[in-house]
């Protein structure tokens, strides 16, 4: 006997929570970038032995970056959890929307993100499949639907953010306080690049979340799969 299709479950609440978390991430990143810019303009370097935290501007820069860094650390974890909870439900909804040929089980909507090498491309393919399969109008050729430009920007910026973050963390740990001022300047610029990449990826993620949620809701209401 074939197993019954699970009913469609609304995405709006999970989408809203995830989007708020990403907006907090964007705000905290902007605060960190502002603090980094203030410090840099005053000759302050967060890399190297001479951090230069002296005077009121230095104190302001240090406080802004510290507060933002703590918020980012906590919120990044919350973003991951809420996004994956939303994505799992979105992928689990596909059979209820009439999609019978999805490639993976809902568990892989979470699992692919934590498998080395595969995590570099499989999550993108899965989110792409959710977007295409959630089109309001059912079509046998749904896999051939074009994606919005922000889809590719999302994945490229996310990989840039994560890879640069790992590089900075490992380089700073290996170098300790021995880097020259010139190298410290380059590391600060790379740090700023990472921050802006993270902000861009978060903004694209919000658009993807709202887009898929709207598409699935519209398809369910229209009964396009019937």
N, C-alpha and C. Protein backbone atom coordinates (compact mmCIF):
# COMPACT_ATOMS: atom_id res chain seq x y z
N UNK A 1 0.84 -1.20 0.00
CA UNK A 1 0.00 0.00 0.00
C UNK A 1 0.88 1.25 0.00
N UNK A 2 0.60 2.17 -0.87
CA UNK A 2 1.39 3.39 -0.95
C UNK A 2 1.12 4.26 0.26
N UNK A 3 2.13 4.89 0.76
CA UNK A 3 1.98 5.74 1.93
C UNK A 3 1.23 7.01 1.54
N UNK A 4 0.40 7.51 2.46
CA UNK A 4 -0.39 8.70 2.20
C UNK A 4 0.52 9.93 2.15
N UNK A 5 0.16 10.85 1.27
CA UNK A 5 0.92 12.09 1.17
C UNK A 5 0.65 12.96 2.39
N UNK A 6 1.70 13.48 2.98
CA UNK A 6 1.53 14.34 4.15
C UNK A 6 0.86 15.64 3.73
N UNK A 7 0.02 16.21 4.57
CA UNK A 7 -0.69 17.44 4.19
C UNK A 7 0.27 18.63 4.06
N UNK A 8 -0.16 19.61 3.30
CA UNK A 8 0.61 20.84 3.15
C UNK A 8 0.63 21.60 4.47
N UNK A 9 1.82 22.05 4.87
CA UNK A 9 1.97 22.81 6.11
C UNK A 9 2.42 24.23 5.77
N UNK A 10 1.76 25.23 6.34
CA UNK A 10 2.11 26.63 6.04
C UNK A 10 3.55 26.95 6.40
N UNK A 11 4.13 27.84 5.61
CA UNK A 11 5.53 28.22 5.81
C UNK A 11 5.69 29.61 6.43
N UNK A 12 4.60 30.38 6.49
CA UNK A 12 4.72 31.79 6.83
C UNK A 12 5.40 32.03 8.18
N UNK A 13 5.04 31.29 9.20
CA UNK A 13 5.62 31.54 10.52
C UNK A 13 7.11 31.26 10.53
N UNK A 14 7.52 30.13 10.01
CA UNK A 14 8.95 29.80 9.97
C UNK A 14 9.71 30.77 9.07
N UNK A 15 9.08 31.15 7.97
CA UNK A 15 9.72 32.11 7.06
C UNK A 15 9.91 33.45 7.75
N UNK A 16 8.90 33.89 8.51
CA UNK A 16 9.01 35.17 9.19
C UNK A 16 10.10 35.18 10.24
N UNK A 17 10.20 34.10 11.01
CA UNK A 17 11.24 34.01 12.04
C UNK A 17 12.62 34.01 11.41
N UNK A 18 12.78 33.21 10.35
CA UNK A 18 14.08 33.13 9.68
C UNK A 18 14.46 34.49 9.08
N UNK A 19 13.50 35.17 8.46
CA UNK A 19 13.79 36.47 7.86
C UNK A 19 14.21 37.49 8.90
N UNK A 20 13.54 37.50 10.06
CA UNK A 20 13.92 38.42 11.13
C UNK A 20 15.36 38.15 11.57
N UNK A 21 15.71 36.88 11.71
CA UNK A 21 17.08 36.53 12.11
C UNK A 21 18.10 37.04 11.10
N UNK A 22 17.78 36.92 9.81
CA UNK A 22 18.70 37.41 8.79
C UNK A 22 18.79 38.94 8.79
N UNK A 23 17.68 39.62 9.07
CA UNK A 23 17.74 41.08 9.17
C UNK A 23 18.59 41.51 10.36
N UNK A 24 18.50 40.78 11.45
CA UNK A 24 19.37 41.07 12.60
C UNK A 24 20.83 40.87 12.21
N UNK A 25 21.09 39.81 11.45
CA UNK A 25 22.45 39.55 10.97
C UNK A 25 22.96 40.72 10.12
N UNK A 26 22.11 41.22 9.23
CA UNK A 26 22.50 42.35 8.39
C UNK A 26 22.78 43.59 9.24
N UNK A 27 21.90 43.86 10.21
CA UNK A 27 22.10 45.01 11.07
C UNK A 27 23.36 44.93 11.90
N UNK A 28 23.62 43.76 12.48
CA UNK A 28 24.83 43.58 13.28
C UNK A 28 26.08 43.66 12.41
N UNK A 29 26.00 43.16 11.20
CA UNK A 29 27.13 43.24 10.28
C UNK A 29 27.43 44.68 9.92
N UNK A 30 26.37 45.47 9.69
CA UNK A 30 26.56 46.89 9.38
C UNK A 30 27.21 47.61 10.56
N UNK A 31 26.79 47.26 11.77
CA UNK A 31 27.37 47.86 12.97
C UNK A 31 28.85 47.50 13.09
N UNK A 32 29.18 46.25 12.81
CA UNK A 32 30.57 45.80 12.86
C UNK A 32 31.40 46.53 11.81
N UNK A 33 30.85 46.65 10.60
CA UNK A 33 31.57 47.34 9.52
C UNK A 33 31.79 48.81 9.87
N UNK A 34 30.79 49.43 10.49
CA UNK A 34 30.94 50.83 10.89
C UNK A 34 32.04 50.98 11.93
N UNK A 35 32.03 50.08 12.92
CA UNK A 35 33.07 50.12 13.94
C UNK A 35 34.44 49.87 13.35
N UNK A 36 34.52 48.96 12.40
CA UNK A 36 35.79 48.67 11.74
C UNK A 36 36.27 49.88 10.95
N UNK A 37 35.33 50.56 10.28
CA UNK A 37 35.70 51.74 9.53
C UNK A 37 36.15 52.89 10.41
N UNK A 38 35.45 53.09 11.53
CA UNK A 38 35.84 54.14 12.48
C UNK A 38 37.25 53.87 13.01
N UNK A 39 37.48 52.62 13.39
CA UNK A 39 38.80 52.28 13.91
C UNK A 39 39.89 52.45 12.88
N UNK A 40 39.60 52.02 11.65
CA UNK A 40 40.62 52.12 10.59
C UNK A 40 40.96 53.57 10.29
N UNK A 41 39.95 54.45 10.30
CA UNK A 41 40.18 55.86 10.01
C UNK A 41 41.02 56.53 11.09
N UNK A 42 41.04 55.94 12.27
CA UNK A 42 41.82 56.49 13.37
C UNK A 42 43.17 55.78 13.54
N UNK A 43 43.50 54.96 12.55
CA UNK A 43 44.78 54.25 12.60
C UNK A 43 44.77 53.03 13.49
N UNK A 44 43.57 52.54 13.82
CA UNK A 44 43.46 51.38 14.70
C UNK A 44 43.43 50.11 13.84
N UNK A 45 44.15 49.10 14.25
CA UNK A 45 44.19 47.83 13.54
C UNK A 45 43.80 46.70 14.49
N UNK A 46 42.84 45.88 14.07
CA UNK A 46 42.43 44.77 14.94
C UNK A 46 43.34 43.56 14.76
N UNK A 47 44.18 43.59 13.73
CA UNK A 47 45.16 42.53 13.53
C UNK A 47 46.55 43.08 13.83
N UNK A 48 47.39 42.25 14.39
CA UNK A 48 48.75 42.68 14.71
C UNK A 48 48.90 43.00 16.18
N UNK A 49 50.13 43.20 16.60
CA UNK A 49 50.43 43.42 18.02
C UNK A 49 50.03 44.82 18.48
N UNK A 50 50.03 45.80 17.56
CA UNK A 50 49.69 47.17 17.95
C UNK A 50 48.26 47.45 17.54
N UNK A 51 47.31 47.04 18.40
CA UNK A 51 45.91 47.25 18.08
C UNK A 51 45.52 48.71 18.18
N UNK A 52 46.20 49.47 19.02
CA UNK A 52 46.00 50.91 19.06
C UNK A 52 44.71 51.38 19.70
N UNK A 53 44.14 50.61 20.62
CA UNK A 53 42.89 51.01 21.24
C UNK A 53 43.14 52.05 22.32
N UNK A 54 43.29 53.32 21.88
CA UNK A 54 43.52 54.42 22.81
C UNK A 54 42.67 55.62 22.39
N UNK A 55 42.09 56.31 23.34
CA UNK A 55 41.30 57.47 23.04
C UNK A 55 39.83 57.14 22.85
N UNK A 56 38.95 58.16 22.79
CA UNK A 56 37.50 57.94 22.71
C UNK A 56 37.05 57.24 21.42
N UNK A 57 37.66 57.62 20.29
CA UNK A 57 37.28 56.96 19.04
C UNK A 57 37.67 55.49 19.05
N UNK A 58 38.80 55.20 19.64
CA UNK A 58 39.25 53.81 19.74
C UNK A 58 38.29 53.02 20.61
N UNK A 59 37.87 53.63 21.72
CA UNK A 59 36.93 52.96 22.61
C UNK A 59 35.60 52.71 21.92
N UNK A 60 35.12 53.72 21.16
CA UNK A 60 33.87 53.57 20.43
C UNK A 60 33.97 52.43 19.42
N UNK A 61 35.06 52.40 18.66
CA UNK A 61 35.24 51.35 17.65
C UNK A 61 35.28 49.97 18.31
N UNK A 62 36.01 49.89 19.42
CA UNK A 62 36.12 48.61 20.12
C UNK A 62 34.77 48.15 20.64
N UNK A 63 33.99 49.06 21.21
CA UNK A 63 32.68 48.70 21.76
C UNK A 63 31.73 48.26 20.65
N UNK A 64 31.71 49.01 19.54
CA UNK A 64 30.82 48.65 18.44
C UNK A 64 31.15 47.28 17.88
N UNK A 65 32.42 47.02 17.65
CA UNK A 65 32.82 45.73 17.08
C UNK A 65 32.59 44.59 18.06
N UNK A 66 32.81 44.83 19.35
CA UNK A 66 32.60 43.78 20.34
C UNK A 66 31.13 43.41 20.43
N UNK A 67 30.27 44.43 20.54
CA UNK A 67 28.83 44.17 20.62
C UNK A 67 28.35 43.45 19.35
N UNK A 68 28.78 43.98 18.20
CA UNK A 68 28.35 43.38 16.94
C UNK A 68 28.85 41.95 16.79
N UNK A 69 30.09 41.70 17.20
CA UNK A 69 30.66 40.35 17.07
C UNK A 69 29.89 39.34 17.91
N UNK A 70 29.50 39.74 19.12
CA UNK A 70 28.74 38.83 20.00
C UNK A 70 27.37 38.54 19.38
N UNK A 71 26.71 39.60 18.90
CA UNK A 71 25.40 39.41 18.27
C UNK A 71 25.52 38.52 17.04
N UNK A 72 26.55 38.76 16.23
CA UNK A 72 26.74 37.96 15.02
C UNK A 72 26.99 36.50 15.34
N UNK A 73 27.77 36.25 16.35
CA UNK A 73 28.08 34.87 16.72
C UNK A 73 26.82 34.10 17.12
N UNK A 74 26.00 34.73 17.95
CA UNK A 74 24.77 34.08 18.40
C UNK A 74 23.76 34.00 17.27
N UNK A 75 23.60 35.11 16.55
CA UNK A 75 22.57 35.17 15.52
C UNK A 75 22.90 34.26 14.34
N UNK A 76 24.18 34.06 14.05
CA UNK A 76 24.54 33.15 12.95
C UNK A 76 24.02 31.75 13.23
N UNK A 77 24.18 31.29 14.46
CA UNK A 77 23.68 29.97 14.83
C UNK A 77 22.16 29.91 14.72
N UNK A 78 21.49 30.98 15.18
CA UNK A 78 20.03 31.02 15.11
C UNK A 78 19.57 31.07 13.65
N UNK A 79 20.29 31.80 12.81
CA UNK A 79 19.96 31.86 11.38
C UNK A 79 20.03 30.47 10.75
N UNK A 80 21.08 29.74 11.07
CA UNK A 80 21.23 28.39 10.53
C UNK A 80 20.06 27.50 10.94
N UNK A 81 19.72 27.54 12.23
CA UNK A 81 18.65 26.69 12.74
C UNK A 81 17.31 27.05 12.11
N UNK A 82 16.96 28.34 12.11
CA UNK A 82 15.65 28.74 11.60
C UNK A 82 15.55 28.54 10.09
N UNK A 83 16.65 28.80 9.37
CA UNK A 83 16.62 28.59 7.92
C UNK A 83 16.43 27.12 7.58
N UNK A 84 17.15 26.25 8.28
CA UNK A 84 17.03 24.82 7.99
C UNK A 84 15.67 24.27 8.39
N UNK A 85 15.08 24.79 9.47
CA UNK A 85 13.72 24.38 9.85
C UNK A 85 12.73 24.78 8.77
N UNK A 86 12.89 26.00 8.25
CA UNK A 86 12.02 26.45 7.16
C UNK A 86 12.24 25.62 5.90
N UNK A 87 13.51 25.38 5.54
CA UNK A 87 13.83 24.64 4.32
C UNK A 87 13.32 23.20 4.40
N UNK A 88 13.45 22.58 5.55
CA UNK A 88 12.96 21.20 5.72
C UNK A 88 11.46 21.13 5.45
N UNK A 89 10.72 22.08 6.01
CA UNK A 89 9.27 22.07 5.77
C UNK A 89 8.95 22.36 4.32
N UNK A 90 9.66 23.31 3.72
CA UNK A 90 9.39 23.65 2.31
C UNK A 90 9.62 22.44 1.41
N UNK A 91 10.69 21.69 1.68
CA UNK A 91 10.97 20.52 0.85
C UNK A 91 9.97 19.39 1.15
N UNK A 92 9.56 19.29 2.41
CA UNK A 92 8.59 18.27 2.80
C UNK A 92 7.22 18.56 2.20
N UNK A 93 6.95 19.81 1.86
CA UNK A 93 5.66 20.18 1.29
C UNK A 93 5.49 19.78 -0.17
N UNK A 94 6.58 19.49 -0.86
CA UNK A 94 6.50 19.29 -2.30
C UNK A 94 5.52 18.18 -2.72
N UNK A 95 5.53 17.00 -2.08
CA UNK A 95 4.55 15.99 -2.49
C UNK A 95 3.11 16.47 -2.32
N UNK A 96 2.84 17.25 -1.27
CA UNK A 96 1.49 17.77 -1.06
C UNK A 96 1.09 18.77 -2.14
N UNK A 97 2.09 19.30 -2.86
CA UNK A 97 1.83 20.22 -3.96
C UNK A 97 1.84 19.51 -5.30
N UNK A 98 1.88 18.19 -5.26
CA UNK A 98 1.80 17.41 -6.49
C UNK A 98 3.12 17.05 -7.12
N UNK A 99 4.23 17.33 -6.43
CA UNK A 99 5.55 17.02 -6.97
C UNK A 99 5.92 15.60 -6.54
N UNK A 100 6.02 14.71 -7.48
CA UNK A 100 6.28 13.30 -7.17
C UNK A 100 7.70 12.86 -7.52
N UNK A 101 8.47 13.76 -8.12
CA UNK A 101 9.80 13.35 -8.59
C UNK A 101 10.92 14.19 -7.98
N UNK A 102 10.77 14.58 -6.73
CA UNK A 102 11.87 15.28 -6.08
C UNK A 102 13.04 14.32 -5.91
N UNK A 103 14.25 14.86 -5.82
CA UNK A 103 15.45 14.03 -5.87
C UNK A 103 15.80 13.40 -4.53
N UNK A 104 15.47 14.06 -3.42
CA UNK A 104 15.91 13.58 -2.12
C UNK A 104 14.77 13.56 -1.12
N UNK A 105 15.03 12.97 0.03
CA UNK A 105 14.07 12.99 1.13
C UNK A 105 14.24 14.29 1.90
N UNK A 106 13.24 14.69 2.68
CA UNK A 106 13.33 15.96 3.43
C UNK A 106 14.54 16.04 4.37
N UNK A 107 14.99 14.89 4.86
CA UNK A 107 16.14 14.91 5.76
C UNK A 107 17.39 15.49 5.12
N UNK A 108 17.50 15.32 3.81
CA UNK A 108 18.67 15.85 3.12
C UNK A 108 18.63 17.37 2.98
N UNK A 109 17.46 17.97 3.20
CA UNK A 109 17.39 19.43 3.21
C UNK A 109 18.26 20.01 4.32
N UNK A 110 18.49 19.20 5.33
CA UNK A 110 19.38 19.58 6.44
C UNK A 110 20.74 18.90 6.28
N UNK A 111 20.71 17.62 5.95
CA UNK A 111 21.93 16.81 5.94
C UNK A 111 23.01 17.28 4.99
N UNK A 112 22.61 17.73 3.79
CA UNK A 112 23.63 18.11 2.80
C UNK A 112 24.52 19.24 3.27
N UNK A 113 24.03 20.09 4.16
CA UNK A 113 24.81 21.23 4.61
C UNK A 113 26.01 20.84 5.48
N UNK A 114 26.01 19.63 6.00
CA UNK A 114 27.04 19.23 6.97
C UNK A 114 27.97 18.14 6.47
N UNK A 115 27.89 17.82 5.18
CA UNK A 115 28.75 16.80 4.60
C UNK A 115 29.86 17.48 3.81
N UNK A 116 31.12 17.27 4.19
CA UNK A 116 32.23 17.92 3.48
C UNK A 116 32.18 17.67 1.98
N UNK A 117 32.65 18.62 1.21
CA UNK A 117 32.67 18.62 -0.24
C UNK A 117 31.25 18.75 -0.81
N UNK A 118 30.36 17.83 -0.42
CA UNK A 118 28.99 17.89 -0.93
C UNK A 118 28.31 19.19 -0.52
N UNK A 119 28.69 19.73 0.62
CA UNK A 119 28.07 20.97 1.10
C UNK A 119 28.42 22.18 0.25
N UNK A 120 29.37 22.02 -0.66
CA UNK A 120 29.75 23.12 -1.54
C UNK A 120 28.77 23.32 -2.69
N UNK A 121 27.95 22.31 -2.99
CA UNK A 121 27.04 22.45 -4.12
C UNK A 121 25.67 21.81 -3.93
N UNK A 122 25.57 20.74 -3.11
CA UNK A 122 24.29 20.07 -2.96
C UNK A 122 23.21 20.96 -2.32
N UNK A 123 23.50 21.74 -1.28
CA UNK A 123 22.44 22.60 -0.72
C UNK A 123 21.88 23.57 -1.75
N UNK A 124 22.76 24.11 -2.59
CA UNK A 124 22.29 25.02 -3.64
C UNK A 124 21.34 24.30 -4.59
N UNK A 125 21.71 23.08 -4.98
CA UNK A 125 20.86 22.31 -5.88
C UNK A 125 19.50 22.00 -5.25
N UNK A 126 19.51 21.72 -3.96
CA UNK A 126 18.26 21.39 -3.27
C UNK A 126 17.36 22.62 -3.16
N UNK A 127 17.92 23.76 -2.77
CA UNK A 127 17.10 24.98 -2.68
C UNK A 127 16.60 25.38 -4.07
N UNK A 128 17.43 25.20 -5.07
CA UNK A 128 17.01 25.46 -6.45
C UNK A 128 15.82 24.58 -6.82
N UNK A 129 15.87 23.31 -6.43
CA UNK A 129 14.77 22.40 -6.73
C UNK A 129 13.49 22.83 -6.04
N UNK A 130 13.61 23.28 -4.79
CA UNK A 130 12.42 23.75 -4.07
C UNK A 130 11.80 24.94 -4.79
N UNK A 131 12.63 25.89 -5.20
CA UNK A 131 12.12 27.07 -5.90
C UNK A 131 11.39 26.66 -7.19
N UNK A 132 12.03 25.84 -8.00
CA UNK A 132 11.45 25.47 -9.29
C UNK A 132 10.18 24.62 -9.11
N UNK A 133 10.21 23.68 -8.16
CA UNK A 133 9.07 22.80 -7.97
C UNK A 133 7.88 23.50 -7.32
N UNK A 134 8.12 24.67 -6.73
CA UNK A 134 7.06 25.40 -6.04
C UNK A 134 6.35 26.40 -6.94
N UNK A 135 6.60 26.36 -8.23
CA UNK A 135 5.97 27.30 -9.15
C UNK A 135 4.45 27.22 -9.04
N UNK A 136 3.76 28.36 -9.02
CA UNK A 136 2.30 28.35 -8.87
C UNK A 136 1.58 27.52 -9.94
N UNK A 137 2.15 27.46 -11.14
CA UNK A 137 1.55 26.69 -12.21
C UNK A 137 2.35 25.41 -12.43
N UNK A 138 1.69 24.27 -12.27
CA UNK A 138 2.38 23.00 -12.42
C UNK A 138 2.81 22.79 -13.87
N UNK A 139 4.00 22.19 -14.04
CA UNK A 139 4.51 21.93 -15.38
C UNK A 139 5.43 20.72 -15.33
N UNK A 140 5.31 19.80 -16.30
CA UNK A 140 6.22 18.64 -16.33
C UNK A 140 7.68 19.05 -16.49
N UNK A 141 7.91 20.23 -17.06
CA UNK A 141 9.28 20.70 -17.29
C UNK A 141 9.71 21.72 -16.23
N UNK A 142 9.25 21.52 -15.00
CA UNK A 142 9.53 22.51 -13.95
C UNK A 142 11.02 22.64 -13.65
N UNK A 143 11.79 21.58 -13.91
CA UNK A 143 13.23 21.65 -13.64
C UNK A 143 13.96 22.60 -14.59
N UNK A 144 13.33 22.96 -15.68
CA UNK A 144 13.97 23.84 -16.65
C UNK A 144 13.67 25.32 -16.43
N UNK A 145 12.92 25.63 -15.38
CA UNK A 145 12.59 27.02 -15.13
C UNK A 145 13.84 27.84 -14.79
N UNK A 146 13.88 29.04 -15.30
CA UNK A 146 15.00 29.93 -15.01
C UNK A 146 14.93 30.43 -13.57
N UNK A 147 16.09 30.67 -13.00
CA UNK A 147 16.18 31.17 -11.63
C UNK A 147 16.43 32.68 -11.62
N UNK A 148 15.95 33.37 -10.60
CA UNK A 148 16.28 34.80 -10.48
C UNK A 148 17.79 34.98 -10.27
N UNK A 149 18.30 36.12 -10.66
CA UNK A 149 19.73 36.38 -10.53
C UNK A 149 20.22 36.31 -9.09
N UNK A 150 19.35 36.73 -8.14
CA UNK A 150 19.82 36.74 -6.76
C UNK A 150 20.08 35.34 -6.22
N UNK A 151 19.60 34.31 -6.90
CA UNK A 151 19.86 32.93 -6.46
C UNK A 151 21.36 32.64 -6.52
N UNK A 152 21.96 32.93 -7.66
CA UNK A 152 23.39 32.67 -7.82
C UNK A 152 24.23 33.60 -6.95
N UNK A 153 23.78 34.85 -6.83
CA UNK A 153 24.47 35.77 -5.93
C UNK A 153 24.46 35.25 -4.50
N UNK A 154 23.33 34.70 -4.09
CA UNK A 154 23.23 34.15 -2.72
C UNK A 154 24.29 33.09 -2.46
N UNK A 155 24.38 32.13 -3.36
CA UNK A 155 25.31 31.03 -3.11
C UNK A 155 26.76 31.48 -3.24
N UNK A 156 27.07 32.32 -4.21
CA UNK A 156 28.44 32.81 -4.37
C UNK A 156 28.88 33.64 -3.18
N UNK A 157 28.03 34.53 -2.71
CA UNK A 157 28.38 35.37 -1.57
C UNK A 157 28.47 34.56 -0.28
N UNK A 158 27.61 33.56 -0.15
CA UNK A 158 27.67 32.71 1.04
C UNK A 158 28.98 31.94 1.10
N UNK A 159 29.39 31.35 -0.02
CA UNK A 159 30.66 30.62 -0.05
C UNK A 159 31.83 31.57 0.22
N UNK A 160 31.77 32.76 -0.36
CA UNK A 160 32.83 33.74 -0.13
C UNK A 160 32.91 34.10 1.35
N UNK A 161 31.78 34.33 1.96
CA UNK A 161 31.72 34.69 3.38
C UNK A 161 32.33 33.58 4.25
N UNK A 162 31.94 32.35 3.99
CA UNK A 162 32.42 31.24 4.81
C UNK A 162 33.90 30.96 4.58
N UNK A 163 34.34 30.97 3.33
CA UNK A 163 35.73 30.65 3.01
C UNK A 163 36.66 31.73 3.54
N UNK A 164 36.31 32.99 3.33
CA UNK A 164 37.14 34.09 3.83
C UNK A 164 37.17 34.08 5.35
N UNK A 165 36.06 33.77 5.98
CA UNK A 165 36.02 33.70 7.43
C UNK A 165 36.98 32.65 7.98
N UNK A 166 36.99 31.48 7.35
CA UNK A 166 37.91 30.42 7.78
C UNK A 166 39.36 30.87 7.56
N UNK A 167 39.64 31.51 6.43
CA UNK A 167 40.99 31.98 6.14
C UNK A 167 41.46 32.98 7.19
N UNK A 168 40.62 33.96 7.51
CA UNK A 168 41.02 34.98 8.48
C UNK A 168 41.26 34.37 9.86
N UNK A 169 40.39 33.48 10.24
CA UNK A 169 40.53 32.86 11.57
C UNK A 169 41.82 32.06 11.67
N UNK A 170 42.13 31.28 10.65
CA UNK A 170 43.33 30.44 10.69
C UNK A 170 44.60 31.28 10.53
N UNK A 171 44.55 32.31 9.69
CA UNK A 171 45.72 33.14 9.50
C UNK A 171 46.03 33.92 10.77
N UNK A 172 45.01 34.48 11.37
CA UNK A 172 45.21 35.25 12.59
C UNK A 172 45.74 34.37 13.71
N UNK A 173 45.25 33.14 13.79
CA UNK A 173 45.72 32.22 14.83
C UNK A 173 47.18 31.83 14.59
N UNK A 174 47.53 31.60 13.34
CA UNK A 174 48.90 31.19 13.03
C UNK A 174 49.89 32.34 13.20
N UNK A 175 49.47 33.55 12.81
CA UNK A 175 50.37 34.69 12.86
C UNK A 175 50.48 35.30 14.24
N UNK A 176 49.41 35.16 15.04
CA UNK A 176 49.42 35.79 16.36
C UNK A 176 49.51 37.29 16.22
N UNK A 177 50.42 37.92 16.92
CA UNK A 177 50.58 39.37 16.85
C UNK A 177 51.80 39.78 16.07
N UNK A 178 52.27 38.91 15.18
CA UNK A 178 53.53 39.18 14.49
C UNK A 178 53.36 39.83 13.12
N UNK A 179 52.14 40.09 12.67
CA UNK A 179 51.96 40.63 11.33
C UNK A 179 52.36 42.10 11.29
N UNK A 180 52.86 42.52 10.14
CA UNK A 180 53.25 43.92 9.96
C UNK A 180 52.01 44.79 9.78
N UNK A 181 52.21 46.10 9.82
CA UNK A 181 51.09 47.01 9.67
C UNK A 181 50.46 46.89 8.27
N UNK A 182 51.31 46.69 7.27
CA UNK A 182 50.79 46.53 5.92
C UNK A 182 49.91 45.30 5.79
N UNK A 183 50.36 44.18 6.36
CA UNK A 183 49.56 42.95 6.34
C UNK A 183 48.28 43.14 7.13
N UNK A 184 48.39 43.84 8.27
CA UNK A 184 47.21 44.10 9.09
C UNK A 184 46.18 44.90 8.31
N UNK A 185 46.63 45.85 7.48
CA UNK A 185 45.71 46.63 6.66
C UNK A 185 44.99 45.74 5.65
N UNK A 186 45.74 44.83 5.04
CA UNK A 186 45.13 43.91 4.08
C UNK A 186 44.12 42.98 4.76
N UNK A 187 44.46 42.51 5.94
CA UNK A 187 43.54 41.63 6.67
C UNK A 187 42.27 42.38 7.06
N UNK A 188 42.42 43.64 7.41
CA UNK A 188 41.25 44.44 7.75
C UNK A 188 40.35 44.63 6.52
N UNK A 189 40.96 44.89 5.37
CA UNK A 189 40.19 45.04 4.13
C UNK A 189 39.47 43.74 3.78
N UNK A 190 40.16 42.61 3.96
CA UNK A 190 39.53 41.30 3.68
C UNK A 190 38.39 41.05 4.66
N UNK A 191 38.60 41.44 5.91
CA UNK A 191 37.55 41.31 6.91
C UNK A 191 36.31 42.10 6.50
N UNK A 192 36.52 43.30 6.01
CA UNK A 192 35.41 44.14 5.57
C UNK A 192 34.71 43.52 4.36
N UNK A 193 35.49 42.94 3.46
CA UNK A 193 34.92 42.24 2.30
C UNK A 193 34.03 41.09 2.76
N UNK A 194 34.51 40.34 3.75
CA UNK A 194 33.73 39.22 4.28
C UNK A 194 32.41 39.71 4.86
N UNK A 195 32.45 40.82 5.58
CA UNK A 195 31.24 41.36 6.21
C UNK A 195 30.21 41.73 5.15
N UNK A 196 30.66 42.42 4.09
CA UNK A 196 29.72 42.82 3.04
C UNK A 196 29.20 41.60 2.27
N UNK A 197 30.04 40.59 2.10
CA UNK A 197 29.58 39.36 1.45
C UNK A 197 28.50 38.69 2.28
N UNK A 198 28.69 38.67 3.59
CA UNK A 198 27.69 38.09 4.48
C UNK A 198 26.39 38.85 4.45
N UNK A 199 26.47 40.18 4.41
CA UNK A 199 25.25 40.98 4.33
C UNK A 199 24.50 40.72 3.02
N UNK A 200 25.25 40.63 1.92
CA UNK A 200 24.62 40.34 0.63
C UNK A 200 23.97 38.97 0.59
N UNK A 201 24.66 37.98 1.14
CA UNK A 201 24.12 36.63 1.17
C UNK A 201 22.84 36.57 2.02
N UNK A 202 22.84 37.29 3.15
CA UNK A 202 21.66 37.31 4.02
C UNK A 202 20.48 37.96 3.32
N UNK A 203 20.73 39.06 2.60
CA UNK A 203 19.65 39.73 1.88
C UNK A 203 19.08 38.83 0.79
N UNK A 204 19.94 38.14 0.07
CA UNK A 204 19.46 37.20 -0.96
C UNK A 204 18.69 36.05 -0.33
N UNK A 205 19.15 35.57 0.84
CA UNK A 205 18.44 34.49 1.53
C UNK A 205 17.03 34.92 1.92
N UNK A 206 16.88 36.17 2.35
CA UNK A 206 15.55 36.67 2.70
C UNK A 206 14.64 36.65 1.47
N UNK A 207 15.16 37.06 0.34
CA UNK A 207 14.36 37.05 -0.90
C UNK A 207 13.98 35.62 -1.29
N UNK A 208 14.89 34.68 -1.11
CA UNK A 208 14.59 33.28 -1.43
C UNK A 208 13.52 32.74 -0.49
N UNK A 209 13.65 33.04 0.79
CA UNK A 209 12.67 32.56 1.78
C UNK A 209 11.28 33.08 1.45
N UNK A 210 11.18 34.39 1.23
CA UNK A 210 9.87 34.97 0.93
C UNK A 210 9.35 34.49 -0.42
N UNK A 211 10.26 34.32 -1.39
CA UNK A 211 9.84 33.88 -2.71
C UNK A 211 9.26 32.48 -2.70
N UNK A 212 9.97 31.54 -2.10
CA UNK A 212 9.49 30.15 -2.05
C UNK A 212 8.22 30.05 -1.22
N UNK A 213 8.17 30.78 -0.11
CA UNK A 213 6.98 30.75 0.73
C UNK A 213 5.76 31.24 -0.04
N UNK A 214 5.92 32.34 -0.77
CA UNK A 214 4.80 32.88 -1.56
C UNK A 214 4.40 31.93 -2.68
N UNK A 215 5.37 31.32 -3.33
CA UNK A 215 5.08 30.41 -4.43
C UNK A 215 4.33 29.18 -3.94
N UNK A 216 4.77 28.61 -2.82
CA UNK A 216 4.08 27.43 -2.30
C UNK A 216 2.67 27.76 -1.82
N UNK A 217 2.52 28.90 -1.16
CA UNK A 217 1.20 29.30 -0.68
C UNK A 217 0.24 29.51 -1.84
N UNK A 218 0.71 30.20 -2.88
CA UNK A 218 -0.13 30.44 -4.05
C UNK A 218 -0.50 29.15 -4.75
N UNK A 219 0.47 28.25 -4.87
CA UNK A 219 0.19 26.97 -5.55
C UNK A 219 -0.82 26.15 -4.76
N UNK A 220 -0.66 26.17 -3.45
CA UNK A 220 -1.62 25.41 -2.61
C UNK A 220 -3.01 26.00 -2.71
N UNK A 221 -3.13 27.32 -2.69
CA UNK A 221 -4.44 27.96 -2.76
C UNK A 221 -5.11 27.77 -4.11
N UNK A 222 -4.30 27.77 -5.17
CA UNK A 222 -4.84 27.60 -6.52
C UNK A 222 -5.18 26.16 -6.83
N UNK A 223 -4.55 25.22 -6.10
CA UNK A 223 -4.75 23.81 -6.41
C UNK A 223 -4.20 23.46 -7.77
N UNK A 224 -3.06 24.08 -8.11
CA UNK A 224 -2.47 23.88 -9.45
C UNK A 224 -1.98 22.46 -9.65
N UNK A 225 -1.87 21.71 -8.57
CA UNK A 225 -1.34 20.36 -8.65
C UNK A 225 -2.44 19.32 -8.80
N UNK A 226 -3.67 19.76 -8.66
CA UNK A 226 -4.76 18.82 -8.67
C UNK A 226 -4.99 18.25 -10.07
